[in-house]
Amino acid sequence: MSEIEESVGNVYQDLGLENANDMLTKSSYVAKMALLIETSDVSEPEVAEKLELSLEKLQEILRGQFRDEPVHAMADYLEKISEITGSPP
């Protein structure tokens, strides 16, 4: 039988990643970014252009591939997407 461990509330910390708090913060930003884009009339290509990212890079970030992105860059992306969509972050 498998043993069940209680989470500390941060999946990245549970996995033993050294930058767990940053990863949790970035994942929160990405979830908000995705929601803003999904609930707006602005397309991913338009958002990518405004962020000066390739569409591929934006889609990678939205799929959770953001480990190498600095927290401050993710915060900037969220703020800009909020401005682009006209919705609060």
C-alpha atoms as a PDB file:
ATOM      1  CA  MET A   1       0.000   0.000   0.000  1.00  0.00           C
ATOM      2  CA  SER A   2       1.258   3.479  -0.845  1.00  0.00           C
ATOM      3  CA  GLU A   3       1.947   5.986   1.878  1.00  0.00           C
ATOM      4  CA  ILE A   4       0.171   9.323   1.595  1.00  0.00           C
ATOM      5  CA  GLU A   5       2.116  12.405   2.598  1.00  0.00           C
ATOM      6  CA  GLU A   6       0.483  15.660   3.605  1.00  0.00           C
ATOM      7  CA  SER A   7       1.382  18.633   1.423  1.00  0.00           C
ATOM      8  CA  VAL A   8       3.012  21.733   2.823  1.00  0.00           C
ATOM      9  CA  GLY A   9       0.780  23.750   0.494  1.00  0.00           C
ATOM     10  CA  ASN A  10       3.373  24.280  -2.219  1.00  0.00           C
ATOM     11  CA  VAL A  11       3.661  21.454  -4.737  1.00  0.00           C
ATOM     12  CA  TYR A  12       7.075  22.710  -5.839  1.00  0.00           C
ATOM     13  CA  GLN A  13       8.347  22.524  -2.258  1.00  0.00           C
ATOM     14  CA  ASP A  14       6.802  19.068  -1.914  1.00  0.00           C
ATOM     15  CA  LEU A  15       8.871  18.060  -4.956  1.00  0.00           C
ATOM     16  CA  GLY A  16      12.023  19.409  -3.310  1.00  0.00           C
ATOM     17  CA  LEU A  17      12.739  22.207  -5.789  1.00  0.00           C
ATOM     18  CA  GLU A  18      15.099  24.836  -4.411  1.00  0.00           C
ATOM     19  CA  ASN A  19      13.184  27.768  -5.939  1.00  0.00           C
ATOM     20  CA  ALA A  20       9.785  26.498  -4.809  1.00  0.00           C
ATOM     21  CA  ASN A  21       8.373  29.851  -3.685  1.00  0.00           C
ATOM     22  CA  ASP A  22       9.319  31.528  -6.965  1.00  0.00           C
ATOM     23  CA  MET A  23       7.766  28.681  -8.943  1.00  0.00           C
ATOM     24  CA  LEU A  24       4.536  28.934  -6.941  1.00  0.00           C
ATOM     25  CA  THR A  25       4.417  32.691  -7.524  1.00  0.00           C
ATOM     26  CA  LYS A  26       5.040  32.268 -11.253  1.00  0.00           C
ATOM     27  CA  SER A  27       2.391  29.560 -11.555  1.00  0.00           C
ATOM     28  CA  SER A  28      -0.105  31.893  -9.899  1.00  0.00           C
ATOM     29  CA  TYR A  29       0.774  34.631 -12.402  1.00  0.00           C
ATOM     30  CA  VAL A  30       0.395  32.214 -15.321  1.00  0.00           C
ATOM     31  CA  ALA A  31      -3.022  31.058 -14.128  1.00  0.00           C
ATOM     32  CA  LYS A  32      -4.162  34.688 -13.979  1.00  0.00           C
ATOM     33  CA  MET A  33      -2.616  35.432 -17.388  1.00  0.00           C
ATOM     34  CA  ALA A  34      -4.414  32.482 -18.976  1.00  0.00           C
ATOM     35  CA  LEU A  35      -7.738  33.498 -17.422  1.00  0.00           C
ATOM     36  CA  LEU A  36      -7.379  37.090 -18.629  1.00  0.00           C
ATOM     37  CA  ILE A  37      -6.663  35.932 -22.179  1.00  0.00           C
ATOM     38  CA  GLU A  38      -9.423  33.295 -22.195  1.00  0.00           C
ATOM     39  CA  THR A  39     -12.080  35.723 -20.962  1.00  0.00           C
ATOM     40  CA  SER A  40     -11.166  38.564 -23.308  1.00  0.00           C
ATOM     41  CA  ASP A  41     -11.626  39.284 -26.991  1.00  0.00           C
ATOM     42  CA  VAL A  42      -7.847  39.513 -27.422  1.00  0.00           C
ATOM     43  CA  SER A  43      -6.128  36.590 -29.157  1.00  0.00           C
ATOM     44  CA  GLU A  44      -2.902  34.908 -28.074  1.00  0.00           C
ATOM     45  CA  PRO A  45      -1.085  36.208 -31.186  1.00  0.00           C
ATOM     46  CA  GLU A  46      -2.130  39.772 -30.289  1.00  0.00           C
ATOM     47  CA  VAL A  47      -0.986  39.320 -26.700  1.00  0.00           C
ATOM     48  CA  ALA A  48       2.338  37.820 -27.794  1.00  0.00           C
ATOM     49  CA  GLU A  49       2.960  40.762 -30.106  1.00  0.00           C
ATOM     50  CA  LYS A  50       2.209  43.306 -27.359  1.00  0.00           C
ATOM     51  CA  LEU A  51       4.491  41.446 -24.951  1.00  0.00           C
ATOM     52  CA  GLU A  52       7.199  41.302 -27.624  1.00  0.00           C
ATOM     53  CA  LEU A  53       7.279  37.505 -27.339  1.00  0.00           C
ATOM     54  CA  SER A  54       6.940  34.934 -30.052  1.00  0.00           C
ATOM     55  CA  LEU A  55       3.580  33.176 -30.060  1.00  0.00           C
ATOM     56  CA  GLU A  56       5.456  29.944 -29.368  1.00  0.00           C
ATOM     57  CA  LYS A  57       7.114  31.438 -26.259  1.00  0.00           C
ATOM     58  CA  LEU A  58       3.793  32.766 -24.911  1.00  0.00           C
ATOM     59  CA  GLN A  59       2.160  29.380 -25.454  1.00  0.00           C
ATOM     60  CA  GLU A  60       5.054  27.626 -23.690  1.00  0.00           C
ATOM     61  CA  ILE A  61       4.625  29.912 -20.684  1.00  0.00           C
ATOM     62  CA  LEU A  62       0.857  29.337 -20.642  1.00  0.00           C
ATOM     63  CA  ARG A  63       1.507  25.561 -20.722  1.00  0.00           C
ATOM     64  CA  GLY A  64       3.669  25.853 -17.606  1.00  0.00           C
ATOM     65  CA  GLN A  65       7.119  26.012 -19.160  1.00  0.00           C
ATOM     66  CA  PHE A  66       8.297  29.058 -17.231  1.00  0.00           C
ATOM     67  CA  ARG A  67      11.097  27.731 -15.012  1.00  0.00           C
ATOM     68  CA  ASP A  68      13.745  29.963 -16.649  1.00  0.00           C
ATOM     69  CA  GLU A  69      11.577  33.097 -16.626  1.00  0.00           C
ATOM     70  CA  PRO A  70      12.365  35.542 -13.791  1.00  0.00           C
ATOM     71  CA  VAL A  71       9.543  36.315 -11.353  1.00  0.00           C
ATOM     72  CA  HIS A  72       9.700  40.018 -12.220  1.00  0.00           C
ATOM     73  CA  ALA A  73       9.263  39.245 -15.936  1.00  0.00           C
ATOM     74  CA  MET A  74       6.186  37.149 -15.189  1.00  0.00           C
ATOM     75  CA  ALA A  75       4.769  39.965 -13.050  1.00  0.00           C
ATOM     76  CA  ASP A  76       5.387  42.378 -15.940  1.00  0.00           C
ATOM     77  CA  TYR A  77       3.652  40.029 -18.396  1.00  0.00           C
ATOM     78  CA  LEU A  78       0.633  39.789 -16.095  1.00  0.00           C
ATOM     79  CA  GLU A  79       0.439  43.562 -15.723  1.00  0.00           C
ATOM     80  CA  LYS A  80       0.710  44.107 -19.482  1.00  0.00           C
ATOM     81  CA  ILE A  81      -1.915  41.443 -20.224  1.00  0.00           C
ATOM     82  CA  SER A  82      -4.189  43.153 -17.724  1.00  0.00           C
ATOM     83  CA  GLU A  83      -3.720  46.432 -19.605  1.00  0.00           C
ATOM     84  CA  ILE A  84      -4.207  44.769 -23.011  1.00  0.00           C
ATOM     85  CA  THR A  85      -7.413  43.008 -21.980  1.00  0.00           C
ATOM     86  CA  GLY A  86      -8.750  45.867 -19.872  1.00  0.00           C
ATOM     87  CA  SER A  87      -9.281  43.543 -16.905  1.00  0.00           C
ATOM     88  CA  PRO A  88      -7.670  43.706 -13.464  1.00  0.00           C
ATOM     89  CA  PRO A  89      -5.032  41.059 -12.732  1.00  0.00           C
END
